[in-house]
Amino acid sequence: MSDLSCPVCDMSEILTLGDQYECVTCGHEWAKEPEPEESSAERIVKDAYGNVLANGDIVAMIKDLKLKGSSQVLKVGTKSKPIRLVDGDHEIDCKMDGLSIGLKACFVKKVVG
């Protein structure tokens, strides 16, 4: 059974009618509470220095980073091609040194100009 109860008589026999509820016992009707929607605001991604990143920005590495599953290392100062912001455990998809990689924003800084 549902944990929903009538606000007037506290009975739990409730009917769902479109966008409202109705109590079977006392006949009281009330509107459904709107379901919380995901925030329509875009997620703000900031680099290691607090600069806001956007799709198409160029970023550079702030420290050497070994790539998992290979023997390659992305060196400090390595610049990317224009980035794309994504959802998930890595905020940035980009290409560096000819490789498509996913990066966390805390390892990069925004390149100005």
PDB file of N, CA and C in Angstrom:
ATOM      1  N   MET A   1       0.834  -1.181   0.000  1.00  0.00           N
ATOM      2  CA  MET A   1       0.000   0.000   0.000  1.00  0.00           C
ATOM      3  C   MET A   1       0.877   1.243   0.000  1.00  0.00           C
ATOM      4  N   SER A   2       0.296   2.348  -0.354  1.00  0.00           N
ATOM      5  CA  SER A   2       1.051   3.593  -0.361  1.00  0.00           C
ATOM      6  C   SER A   2       1.077   4.182   1.043  1.00  0.00           C
ATOM      7  N   ASP A   3       2.042   5.051   1.280  1.00  0.00           N
ATOM      8  CA  ASP A   3       2.134   5.722   2.570  1.00  0.00           C
ATOM      9  C   ASP A   3       1.371   7.040   2.558  1.00  0.00           C
ATOM     10  N   LEU A   4       0.548   7.244   1.535  1.00  0.00           N
ATOM     11  CA  LEU A   4      -0.257   8.451   1.386  1.00  0.00           C
ATOM     12  C   LEU A   4      -1.529   8.302   2.219  1.00  0.00           C
ATOM     13  N   SER A   5      -1.926   9.373   2.910  1.00  0.00           N
ATOM     14  CA  SER A   5      -3.161   9.335   3.695  1.00  0.00           C
ATOM     15  C   SER A   5      -3.932  10.629   3.489  1.00  0.00           C
ATOM     16  N   CYS A   6      -5.218  10.565   3.729  1.00  0.00           N
ATOM     17  CA  CYS A   6      -6.108  11.715   3.562  1.00  0.00           C
ATOM     18  C   CYS A   6      -5.760  12.787   4.600  1.00  0.00           C
ATOM     19  N   PRO A   7      -5.638  14.057   4.171  1.00  0.00           N
ATOM     20  CA  PRO A   7      -5.325  15.110   5.137  1.00  0.00           C
ATOM     21  C   PRO A   7      -6.486  15.429   6.080  1.00  0.00           C
ATOM     22  N   VAL A   8      -7.726  14.986   5.751  1.00  0.00           N
ATOM     23  CA  VAL A   8      -8.881  15.282   6.585  1.00  0.00           C
ATOM     24  C   VAL A   8      -9.126  14.171   7.606  1.00  0.00           C
ATOM     25  N   CYS A   9      -9.219  12.912   7.128  1.00  0.00           N
ATOM     26  CA  CYS A   9      -9.582  11.813   8.033  1.00  0.00           C
ATOM     27  C   CYS A   9      -8.434  10.848   8.328  1.00  0.00           C
ATOM     28  N   ASP A  10      -7.280  11.043   7.740  1.00  0.00           N
ATOM     29  CA  ASP A  10      -6.083  10.218   7.960  1.00  0.00           C
ATOM     30  C   ASP A  10      -6.245   8.756   7.545  1.00  0.00           C
ATOM     31  N   MET A  11      -7.203   8.451   6.695  1.00  0.00           N
ATOM     32  CA  MET A  11      -7.363   7.086   6.180  1.00  0.00           C
ATOM     33  C   MET A  11      -6.408   6.902   5.000  1.00  0.00           C
ATOM     34  N   SER A  12      -6.048   5.663   4.735  1.00  0.00           N
ATOM     35  CA  SER A  12      -5.058   5.404   3.690  1.00  0.00           C
ATOM     36  C   SER A  12      -5.670   4.834   2.410  1.00  0.00           C
ATOM     37  N   GLU A  13      -6.988   4.760   2.326  1.00  0.00           N
ATOM     38  CA  GLU A  13      -7.625   4.284   1.094  1.00  0.00           C
ATOM     39  C   GLU A  13      -7.800   5.468   0.161  1.00  0.00           C
ATOM     40  N   ILE A  14      -6.854   5.630  -0.751  1.00  0.00           N
ATOM     41  CA  ILE A  14      -6.791   6.808  -1.619  1.00  0.00           C
ATOM     42  C   ILE A  14      -6.874   6.373  -3.080  1.00  0.00           C
ATOM     43  N   LEU A  15      -7.673   7.088  -3.870  1.00  0.00           N
ATOM     44  CA  LEU A  15      -7.756   6.877  -5.310  1.00  0.00           C
ATOM     45  C   LEU A  15      -6.946   7.964  -6.013  1.00  0.00           C
ATOM     46  N   THR A  16      -6.301   7.586  -7.091  1.00  0.00           N
ATOM     47  CA  THR A  16      -5.568   8.549  -7.900  1.00  0.00           C
ATOM     48  C   THR A  16      -6.394   8.850  -9.130  1.00  0.00           C
ATOM     49  N   LEU A  17      -6.766  10.112  -9.304  1.00  0.00           N
ATOM     50  CA  LEU A  17      -7.595  10.529 -10.427  1.00  0.00           C
ATOM     51  C   LEU A  17      -6.879  11.630 -11.204  1.00  0.00           C
ATOM     52  N   GLY A  18      -6.162  11.247 -12.244  1.00  0.00           N
ATOM     53  CA  GLY A  18      -5.466  12.236 -13.065  1.00  0.00           C
ATOM     54  C   GLY A  18      -4.469  13.032 -12.261  1.00  0.00           C
ATOM     55  N   ASP A  19      -4.750  14.339 -12.060  1.00  0.00           N
ATOM     56  CA  ASP A  19      -3.827  15.201 -11.340  1.00  0.00           C
ATOM     57  C   ASP A  19      -4.281  15.477  -9.908  1.00  0.00           C
ATOM     58  N   GLN A  20      -5.141  14.597  -9.357  1.00  0.00           N
ATOM     59  CA  GLN A  20      -5.589  14.791  -7.986  1.00  0.00           C
ATOM     60  C   GLN A  20      -5.804  13.448  -7.296  1.00  0.00           C
ATOM     61  N   TYR A  21      -5.933  13.498  -5.966  1.00  0.00           N
ATOM     62  CA  TYR A  21      -6.244  12.337  -5.135  1.00  0.00           C
ATOM     63  C   TYR A  21      -7.652  12.483  -4.572  1.00  0.00           C
ATOM     64  N   GLU A  22      -8.270  11.319  -4.276  1.00  0.00           N
ATOM     65  CA  GLU A  22      -9.584  11.339  -3.627  1.00  0.00           C
ATOM     66  C   GLU A  22      -9.607  10.266  -2.548  1.00  0.00           C
ATOM     67  N   CYS A  23     -10.098  10.651  -1.371  1.00  0.00           N
ATOM     68  CA  CYS A  23     -10.222   9.716  -0.262  1.00  0.00           C
ATOM     69  C   CYS A  23     -11.495   8.901  -0.454  1.00  0.00           C
ATOM     70  N   VAL A  24     -11.404   7.573  -0.377  1.00  0.00           N
ATOM     71  CA  VAL A  24     -12.559   6.696  -0.544  1.00  0.00           C
ATOM     72  C   VAL A  24     -13.485   6.814   0.667  1.00  0.00           C
ATOM     73  N   THR A  25     -12.941   7.040   1.828  1.00  0.00           N
ATOM     74  CA  THR A  25     -13.725   7.084   3.054  1.00  0.00           C
ATOM     75  C   THR A  25     -14.560   8.354   3.188  1.00  0.00           C
ATOM     76  N   CYS A  26     -13.949   9.536   3.070  1.00  0.00           N
ATOM     77  CA  CYS A  26     -14.686  10.783   3.311  1.00  0.00           C
ATOM     78  C   CYS A  26     -14.977  11.577   2.039  1.00  0.00           C
ATOM     79  N   GLY A  27     -14.376  11.199   0.913  1.00  0.00           N
ATOM     80  CA  GLY A  27     -14.635  11.880  -0.351  1.00  0.00           C
ATOM     81  C   GLY A  27     -13.834  13.152  -0.564  1.00  0.00           C
ATOM     82  N   HIS A  28     -12.931  13.476   0.344  1.00  0.00           N
ATOM     83  CA  HIS A  28     -12.106  14.682   0.198  1.00  0.00           C
ATOM     84  C   HIS A  28     -11.182  14.543  -1.018  1.00  0.00           C
ATOM     85  N   GLU A  29     -11.092  15.627  -1.821  1.00  0.00           N
ATOM     86  CA  GLU A  29     -10.219  15.648  -2.984  1.00  0.00           C
ATOM     87  C   GLU A  29      -9.143  16.710  -2.795  1.00  0.00           C
ATOM     88  N   TRP A  30      -7.927  16.403  -3.244  1.00  0.00           N
ATOM     89  CA  TRP A  30      -6.837  17.377  -3.195  1.00  0.00           C
ATOM     90  C   TRP A  30      -5.883  17.130  -4.356  1.00  0.00           C
ATOM     91  N   ALA A  31      -5.189  18.200  -4.717  1.00  0.00           N
ATOM     92  CA  ALA A  31      -4.292  18.149  -5.880  1.00  0.00           C
ATOM     93  C   ALA A  31      -3.001  17.409  -5.532  1.00  0.00           C
ATOM     94  N   LYS A  32      -2.453  16.730  -6.524  1.00  0.00           N
ATOM     95  CA  LYS A  32      -1.157  16.082  -6.351  1.00  0.00           C
ATOM     96  C   LYS A  32      -0.084  17.143  -6.272  1.00  0.00           C
ATOM     97  N   GLU A  33       0.926  16.876  -5.476  1.00  0.00           N
ATOM     98  CA  GLU A  33       2.066  17.779  -5.426  1.00  0.00           C
ATOM     99  C   GLU A  33       2.902  17.521  -6.674  1.00  0.00           C
ATOM    100  N   PRO A  34       3.334  18.578  -7.335  1.00  0.00           N
ATOM    101  CA  PRO A  34       4.150  18.361  -8.524  1.00  0.00           C
ATOM    102  C   PRO A  34       5.443  17.654  -8.158  1.00  0.00           C
ATOM    103  N   GLU A  35       5.861  16.725  -9.039  1.00  0.00           N
ATOM    104  CA  GLU A  35       7.096  15.996  -8.785  1.00  0.00           C
ATOM    105  C   GLU A  35       8.267  16.937  -8.999  1.00  0.00           C
ATOM    106  N   PRO A  36       9.273  16.817  -8.162  1.00  0.00           N
ATOM    107  CA  PRO A  36      10.419  17.710  -8.334  1.00  0.00           C
ATOM    108  C   PRO A  36      11.091  17.456  -9.680  1.00  0.00           C
ATOM    109  N   GLU A  37      11.303  18.539 -10.421  1.00  0.00           N
ATOM    110  CA  GLU A  37      11.940  18.420 -11.718  1.00  0.00           C
ATOM    111  C   GLU A  37      13.430  18.606 -11.546  1.00  0.00           C
ATOM    112  N   GLU A  38      14.192  18.026 -12.478  1.00  0.00           N
ATOM    113  CA  GLU A  38      15.625  18.245 -12.439  1.00  0.00           C
ATOM    114  C   GLU A  38      15.872  19.710 -12.756  1.00  0.00           C
ATOM    115  N   SER A  39      16.875  20.243 -12.109  1.00  0.00           N
ATOM    116  CA  SER A  39      17.139  21.662 -12.328  1.00  0.00           C
ATOM    117  C   SER A  39      17.507  21.896 -13.786  1.00  0.00           C
ATOM    118  N   SER A  40      16.853  22.884 -14.376  1.00  0.00           N
ATOM    119  CA  SER A  40      17.099  23.181 -15.773  1.00  0.00           C
ATOM    120  C   SER A  40      18.355  24.031 -15.946  1.00  0.00           C
ATOM    121  N   ALA A  41      18.889  24.527 -14.842  1.00  0.00           N
ATOM    122  CA  ALA A  41      20.113  25.315 -14.927  1.00  0.00           C
ATOM    123  C   ALA A  41      21.282  24.406 -15.268  1.00  0.00           C
ATOM    124  N   GLU A  42      22.142  24.899 -16.131  1.00  0.00           N
ATOM    125  CA  GLU A  42      23.292  24.103 -16.515  1.00  0.00           C
ATOM    126  C   GLU A  42      24.267  24.013 -15.351  1.00  0.00           C
ATOM    127  N   ARG A  43      24.975  22.924 -15.325  1.00  0.00           N
ATOM    128  CA  ARG A  43      25.970  22.722 -14.294  1.00  0.00           C
ATOM    129  C   ARG A  43      27.162  23.629 -14.588  1.00  0.00           C
ATOM    130  N   ILE A  44      27.697  24.256 -13.570  1.00  0.00           N
ATOM    131  CA  ILE A  44      28.847  25.136 -13.743  1.00  0.00           C
ATOM    132  C   ILE A  44      30.102  24.326 -13.453  1.00  0.00           C
ATOM    133  N   VAL A  45      31.008  24.306 -14.424  1.00  0.00           N
ATOM    134  CA  VAL A  45      32.268  23.591 -14.277  1.00  0.00           C
ATOM    135  C   VAL A  45      33.376  24.624 -14.191  1.00  0.00           C
ATOM    136  N   LYS A  46      34.226  24.494 -13.158  1.00  0.00           N
ATOM    137  CA  LYS A  46      35.325  25.441 -12.956  1.00  0.00           C
ATOM    138  C   LYS A  46      36.651  24.696 -13.011  1.00  0.00           C
ATOM    139  N   ASP A  47      37.669  25.381 -13.551  1.00  0.00           N
ATOM    140  CA  ASP A  47      38.996  24.784 -13.622  1.00  0.00           C
ATOM    141  C   ASP A  47      39.665  24.840 -12.249  1.00  0.00           C
ATOM    142  N   ALA A  48      40.938  24.456 -12.189  1.00  0.00           N
ATOM    143  CA  ALA A  48      41.655  24.393 -10.921  1.00  0.00           C
ATOM    144  C   ALA A  48      41.791  25.752 -10.252  1.00  0.00           C
ATOM    145  N   TYR A  49      41.696  26.840 -11.018  1.00  0.00           N
ATOM    146  CA  TYR A  49      41.847  28.179 -10.468  1.00  0.00           C
ATOM    147  C   TYR A  49      40.520  28.914 -10.307  1.00  0.00           C
ATOM    148  N   GLY A  50      39.402  28.244 -10.519  1.00  0.00           N
ATOM    149  CA  GLY A  50      38.093  28.840 -10.318  1.00  0.00           C
ATOM    150  C   GLY A  50      37.509  29.543 -11.525  1.00  0.00           C
ATOM    151  N   ASN A  51      38.154  29.445 -12.677  1.00  0.00           N
ATOM    152  CA  ASN A  51      37.611  30.042 -13.900  1.00  0.00           C
ATOM    153  C   ASN A  51      36.511  29.142 -14.444  1.00  0.00           C
ATOM    154  N   VAL A  52      35.406  29.738 -14.875  1.00  0.00           N
ATOM    155  CA  VAL A  52      34.280  28.968 -15.401  1.00  0.00           C
ATOM    156  C   VAL A  52      34.625  28.484 -16.809  1.00  0.00           C
ATOM    157  N   LEU A  53      34.424  27.187 -17.051  1.00  0.00           N
ATOM    158  CA  LEU A  53      34.691  26.593 -18.355  1.00  0.00           C
ATOM    159  C   LEU A  53      33.401  26.474 -19.156  1.00  0.00           C
ATOM    160  N   ALA A  54      33.530  26.571 -20.479  1.00  0.00           N
ATOM    161  CA  ALA A  54      32.391  26.431 -21.380  1.00  0.00           C
ATOM    162  C   ALA A  54      32.806  25.570 -22.561  1.00  0.00           C
ATOM    163  N   ASN A  55      31.818  25.043 -23.287  1.00  0.00           N
ATOM    164  CA  ASN A  55      32.113  24.277 -24.487  1.00  0.00           C
ATOM    165  C   ASN A  55      32.929  25.136 -25.446  1.00  0.00           C
ATOM    166  N   GLY A  56      33.969  24.548 -26.033  1.00  0.00           N
ATOM    167  CA  GLY A  56      34.793  25.263 -27.001  1.00  0.00           C
ATOM    168  C   GLY A  56      36.009  25.944 -26.405  1.00  0.00           C
ATOM    169  N   ASP A  57      36.156  25.978 -25.081  1.00  0.00           N
ATOM    170  CA  ASP A  57      37.342  26.569 -24.464  1.00  0.00           C
ATOM    171  C   ASP A  57      38.558  25.676 -24.714  1.00  0.00           C
ATOM    172  N   ILE A  58      39.736  26.279 -24.595  1.00  0.00           N
ATOM    173  CA  ILE A  58      40.994  25.551 -24.670  1.00  0.00           C
ATOM    174  C   ILE A  58      41.535  25.478 -23.247  1.00  0.00           C
ATOM    175  N   VAL A  59      42.007  24.302 -22.847  1.00  0.00           N
ATOM    176  CA  VAL A  59      42.560  24.126 -21.508  1.00  0.00           C
ATOM    177  C   VAL A  59      43.971  23.580 -21.604  1.00  0.00           C
ATOM    178  N   ALA A  60      44.734  23.767 -20.530  1.00  0.00           N
ATOM    179  CA  ALA A  60      46.093  23.246 -20.445  1.00  0.00           C
ATOM    180  C   ALA A  60      46.243  22.487 -19.132  1.00  0.00           C
ATOM    181  N   MET A  61      47.093  21.480 -19.125  1.00  0.00           N
ATOM    182  CA  MET A  61      47.340  20.682 -17.925  1.00  0.00           C
ATOM    183  C   MET A  61      48.114  21.510 -16.907  1.00  0.00           C
ATOM    184  N   ILE A  62      47.805  21.333 -15.613  1.00  0.00           N
ATOM    185  CA  ILE A  62      48.529  22.051 -14.562  1.00  0.00           C
ATOM    186  C   ILE A  62      49.527  21.142 -13.848  1.00  0.00           C
ATOM    187  N   LYS A  63      49.467  19.849 -14.122  1.00  0.00           N
ATOM    188  CA  LYS A  63      50.428  18.908 -13.548  1.00  0.00           C
ATOM    189  C   LYS A  63      50.537  17.695 -14.459  1.00  0.00           C
ATOM    190  N   ASP A  64      51.624  16.947 -14.328  1.00  0.00           N
ATOM    191  CA  ASP A  64      51.780  15.729 -15.110  1.00  0.00           C
ATOM    192  C   ASP A  64      50.696  14.741 -14.689  1.00  0.00           C
ATOM    193  N   LEU A  65      50.113  14.067 -15.674  1.00  0.00           N
ATOM    194  CA  LEU A  65      49.036  13.126 -15.389  1.00  0.00           C
ATOM    195  C   LEU A  65      49.244  11.874 -16.220  1.00  0.00           C
ATOM    196  N   LYS A  66      49.446  10.734 -15.549  1.00  0.00           N
ATOM    197  CA  LYS A  66      49.619   9.465 -16.246  1.00  0.00           C
ATOM    198  C   LYS A  66      48.262   8.981 -16.720  1.00  0.00           C
ATOM    199  N   LEU A  67      48.174   8.563 -17.975  1.00  0.00           N
ATOM    200  CA  LEU A  67      46.922   8.052 -18.520  1.00  0.00           C
ATOM    201  C   LEU A  67      46.749   6.594 -18.117  1.00  0.00           C
ATOM    202  N   LYS A  68      45.607   6.275 -17.559  1.00  0.00           N
ATOM    203  CA  LYS A  68      45.334   4.899 -17.143  1.00  0.00           C
ATOM    204  C   LYS A  68      45.301   3.988 -18.360  1.00  0.00           C
ATOM    205  N   GLY A  69      45.870   2.817 -18.224  1.00  0.00           N
ATOM    206  CA  GLY A  69      45.835   1.834 -19.296  1.00  0.00           C
ATOM    207  C   GLY A  69      46.893   2.046 -20.357  1.00  0.00           C
ATOM    208  N   SER A  70      47.787   2.994 -20.152  1.00  0.00           N
ATOM    209  CA  SER A  70      48.867   3.202 -21.111  1.00  0.00           C
ATOM    210  C   SER A  70      50.094   3.708 -20.366  1.00  0.00           C
ATOM    211  N   SER A  71      51.192   3.800 -21.096  1.00  0.00           N
ATOM    212  CA  SER A  71      52.423   4.288 -20.482  1.00  0.00           C
ATOM    213  C   SER A  71      52.632   5.773 -20.765  1.00  0.00           C
ATOM    214  N   GLN A  72      51.651   6.434 -21.402  1.00  0.00           N
ATOM    215  CA  GLN A  72      51.782   7.838 -21.756  1.00  0.00           C
ATOM    216  C   GLN A  72      51.504   8.742 -20.563  1.00  0.00           C
ATOM    217  N   VAL A  73      52.134   9.908 -20.594  1.00  0.00           N
ATOM    218  CA  VAL A  73      51.938  10.920 -19.571  1.00  0.00           C
ATOM    219  C   VAL A  73      51.608  12.230 -20.261  1.00  0.00           C
ATOM    220  N   LEU A  74      50.565  12.907 -19.798  1.00  0.00           N
ATOM    221  CA  LEU A  74      50.260  14.257 -20.272  1.00  0.00           C
ATOM    222  C   LEU A  74      51.075  15.218 -19.423  1.00  0.00           C
ATOM    223  N   LYS A  75      51.955  15.959 -20.043  1.00  0.00           N
ATOM    224  CA  LYS A  75      52.878  16.834 -19.338  1.00  0.00           C
ATOM    225  C   LYS A  75      52.226  18.172 -18.977  1.00  0.00           C
ATOM    226  N   VAL A  76      52.800  18.853 -18.005  1.00  0.00           N
ATOM    227  CA  VAL A  76      52.357  20.191 -17.613  1.00  0.00           C
ATOM    228  C   VAL A  76      52.399  21.092 -18.841  1.00  0.00           C
ATOM    229  N   GLY A  77      51.340  21.879 -19.053  1.00  0.00           N
ATOM    230  CA  GLY A  77      51.296  22.827 -20.153  1.00  0.00           C
ATOM    231  C   GLY A  77      50.739  22.280 -21.449  1.00  0.00           C
ATOM    232  N   THR A  78      50.473  20.973 -21.524  1.00  0.00           N
ATOM    233  CA  THR A  78      49.902  20.389 -22.737  1.00  0.00           C
ATOM    234  C   THR A  78      48.529  21.003 -22.973  1.00  0.00           C
ATOM    235  N   LYS A  79      48.316  21.562 -24.166  1.00  0.00           N
ATOM    236  CA  LYS A  79      47.054  22.229 -24.490  1.00  0.00           C
ATOM    237  C   LYS A  79      46.127  21.268 -25.223  1.00  0.00           C
ATOM    238  N   SER A  80      44.837  21.505 -25.039  1.00  0.00           N
ATOM    239  CA  SER A  80      43.818  20.667 -25.681  1.00  0.00           C
ATOM    240  C   SER A  80      43.288  21.336 -26.930  1.00  0.00           C
ATOM    241  N   LYS A  81      42.572  20.564 -27.700  1.00  0.00           N
ATOM    242  CA  LYS A  81      41.723  21.107 -28.745  1.00  0.00           C
ATOM    243  C   LYS A  81      40.486  21.642 -28.014  1.00  0.00           C
ATOM    244  N   PRO A  82      39.548  22.309 -28.698  1.00  0.00           N
ATOM    245  CA  PRO A  82      38.346  22.803 -28.000  1.00  0.00           C
ATOM    246  C   PRO A  82      37.639  21.672 -27.223  1.00  0.00           C
ATOM    247  N   ILE A  83      37.261  21.996 -25.990  1.00  0.00           N
ATOM    248  CA  ILE A  83      36.679  20.994 -25.091  1.00  0.00           C
ATOM    249  C   ILE A  83      35.169  20.918 -25.240  1.00  0.00           C
ATOM    250  N   ARG A  84      34.622  19.822 -24.704  1.00  0.00           N
ATOM    251  CA  ARG A  84      33.173  19.645 -24.612  1.00  0.00           C
ATOM    252  C   ARG A  84      32.876  19.232 -23.178  1.00  0.00           C
ATOM    253  N   LEU A  85      31.936  19.922 -22.531  1.00  0.00           N
ATOM    254  CA  LEU A  85      31.551  19.587 -21.160  1.00  0.00           C
ATOM    255  C   LEU A  85      30.521  18.468 -21.182  1.00  0.00           C
ATOM    256  N   VAL A  86      30.697  17.482 -20.303  1.00  0.00           N
ATOM    257  CA  VAL A  86      29.814  16.322 -20.257  1.00  0.00           C
ATOM    258  C   VAL A  86      29.436  16.035 -18.807  1.00  0.00           C
ATOM    259  N   ASP A  87      28.385  15.250 -18.628  1.00  0.00           N
ATOM    260  CA  ASP A  87      27.997  14.778 -17.306  1.00  0.00           C
ATOM    261  C   ASP A  87      28.718  13.472 -17.035  1.00  0.00           C
ATOM    262  N   GLY A  88      28.904  13.172 -15.788  1.00  0.00           N
ATOM    263  CA  GLY A  88      29.560  11.924 -15.429  1.00  0.00           C
ATOM    264  C   GLY A  88      30.707  12.175 -14.474  1.00  0.00           C
ATOM    265  N   ASP A  89      31.568  11.161 -14.313  1.00  0.00           N
ATOM    266  CA  ASP A  89      32.671  11.301 -13.369  1.00  0.00           C
ATOM    267  C   ASP A  89      33.779  12.204 -13.897  1.00  0.00           C
ATOM    268  N   HIS A  90      33.865  12.393 -15.212  1.00  0.00           N
ATOM    269  CA  HIS A  90      34.808  13.334 -15.816  1.00  0.00           C
ATOM    270  C   HIS A  90      34.002  14.459 -16.467  1.00  0.00           C
ATOM    271  N   GLU A  91      34.359  15.693 -16.173  1.00  0.00           N
ATOM    272  CA  GLU A  91      33.572  16.821 -16.666  1.00  0.00           C
ATOM    273  C   GLU A  91      33.915  17.232 -18.086  1.00  0.00           C
ATOM    274  N   ILE A  92      35.112  16.874 -18.574  1.00  0.00           N
ATOM    275  CA  ILE A  92      35.616  17.389 -19.848  1.00  0.00           C
ATOM    276  C   ILE A  92      35.953  16.244 -20.795  1.00  0.00           C
ATOM    277  N   ASP A  93      35.489  16.342 -22.047  1.00  0.00           N
ATOM    278  CA  ASP A  93      35.941  15.484 -23.136  1.00  0.00           C
ATOM    279  C   ASP A  93      36.749  16.357 -24.071  1.00  0.00           C
ATOM    280  N   CYS A  94      37.939  15.900 -24.441  1.00  0.00           N
ATOM    281  CA  CYS A  94      38.771  16.705 -25.344  1.00  0.00           C
ATOM    282  C   CYS A  94      39.799  15.814 -26.025  1.00  0.00           C
ATOM    283  N   LYS A  95      40.581  16.430 -26.883  1.00  0.00           N
ATOM    284  CA  LYS A  95      41.701  15.755 -27.519  1.00  0.00           C
ATOM    285  C   LYS A  95      42.981  16.456 -27.098  1.00  0.00           C
ATOM    286  N   MET A  96      43.951  15.657 -26.674  1.00  0.00           N
ATOM    287  CA  MET A  96      45.285  16.153 -26.325  1.00  0.00           C
ATOM    288  C   MET A  96      46.288  15.185 -26.909  1.00  0.00           C
ATOM    289  N   ASP A  97      47.304  15.703 -27.538  1.00  0.00           N
ATOM    290  CA  ASP A  97      48.350  14.870 -28.147  1.00  0.00           C
ATOM    291  C   ASP A  97      47.757  13.801 -29.048  1.00  0.00           C
ATOM    292  N   GLY A  98      46.653  14.105 -29.735  1.00  0.00           N
ATOM    293  CA  GLY A  98      46.046  13.167 -30.669  1.00  0.00           C
ATOM    294  C   GLY A  98      45.182  12.099 -30.033  1.00  0.00           C
ATOM    295  N   LEU A  99      44.976  12.150 -28.739  1.00  0.00           N
ATOM    296  CA  LEU A  99      44.162  11.162 -28.024  1.00  0.00           C
ATOM    297  C   LEU A  99      42.856  11.792 -27.554  1.00  0.00           C
ATOM    298  N   SER A 100      41.750  11.071 -27.682  1.00  0.00           N
ATOM    299  CA  SER A 100      40.482  11.513 -27.101  1.00  0.00           C
ATOM    300  C   SER A 100      40.461  11.052 -25.654  1.00  0.00           C
ATOM    301  N   ILE A 101      40.326  12.004 -24.734  1.00  0.00           N
ATOM    302  CA  ILE A 101      40.380  11.659 -23.312  1.00  0.00           C
ATOM    303  C   ILE A 101      39.295  12.384 -22.536  1.00  0.00           C
ATOM    304  N   GLY A 102      39.001  11.869 -21.372  1.00  0.00           N
ATOM    305  CA  GLY A 102      38.101  12.514 -20.424  1.00  0.00           C
ATOM    306  C   GLY A 102      38.921  13.000 -19.249  1.00  0.00           C
ATOM    307  N   LEU A 103      38.722  14.236 -18.863  1.00  0.00           N
ATOM    308  CA  LEU A 103      39.499  14.831 -17.774  1.00  0.00           C
ATOM    309  C   LEU A 103      38.601  15.405 -16.695  1.00  0.00           C
ATOM    310  N   LYS A 104      39.111  15.426 -15.494  1.00  0.00           N
ATOM    311  CA  LYS A 104      38.444  16.158 -14.419  1.00  0.00           C
ATOM    312  C   LYS A 104      38.946  17.590 -14.477  1.00  0.00           C
ATOM    313  N   ALA A 105      38.072  18.517 -14.182  1.00  0.00           N
ATOM    314  CA  ALA A 105      38.398  19.937 -14.304  1.00  0.00           C
ATOM    315  C   ALA A 105      39.482  20.377 -13.326  1.00  0.00           C
ATOM    316  N   CYS A 106      39.701  19.644 -12.259  1.00  0.00           N
ATOM    317  CA  CYS A 106      40.699  20.047 -11.271  1.00  0.00           C
ATOM    318  C   CYS A 106      42.131  19.884 -11.772  1.00  0.00           C
ATOM    319  N   PHE A 107      42.341  19.246 -12.924  1.00  0.00           N
ATOM    320  CA  PHE A 107      43.682  19.047 -13.463  1.00  0.00           C
ATOM    321  C   PHE A 107      44.021  20.004 -14.595  1.00  0.00           C
ATOM    322  N   VAL A 108      43.129  20.942 -14.915  1.00  0.00           N
ATOM    323  CA  VAL A 108      43.369  21.825 -16.050  1.00  0.00           C
ATOM    324  C   VAL A 108      43.153  23.285 -15.656  1.00  0.00           C
ATOM    325  N   LYS A 109      43.708  24.171 -16.502  1.00  0.00           N
ATOM    326  CA  LYS A 109      43.426  25.597 -16.359  1.00  0.00           C
ATOM    327  C   LYS A 109      42.985  26.107 -17.721  1.00  0.00           C
ATOM    328  N   LYS A 110      42.131  27.113 -17.702  1.00  0.00           N
ATOM    329  CA  LYS A 110      41.616  27.709 -18.922  1.00  0.00           C
ATOM    330  C   LYS A 110      42.717  28.551 -19.559  1.00  0.00           C
ATOM    331  N   VAL A 111      42.891  28.376 -20.881  1.00  0.00           N
ATOM    332  CA  VAL A 111      43.877  29.165 -21.617  1.00  0.00           C
ATOM    333  C   VAL A 111      43.143  30.371 -22.192  1.00  0.00           C
ATOM    334  N   VAL A 112      43.624  31.561 -21.857  1.00  0.00           N
ATOM    335  CA  VAL A 112      42.986  32.796 -22.314  1.00  0.00           C
ATOM    336  C   VAL A 112      43.652  33.236 -23.618  1.00  0.00           C
ATOM    337  N   GLY A 113      42.794  33.567 -24.603  1.00  0.00           N
ATOM    338  CA  GLY A 113      43.296  34.111 -25.870  1.00  0.00           C
ATOM    339  C   GLY A 113      43.740  33.078 -26.772  1.00  0.00           C
TER     340      GLY A 113
END
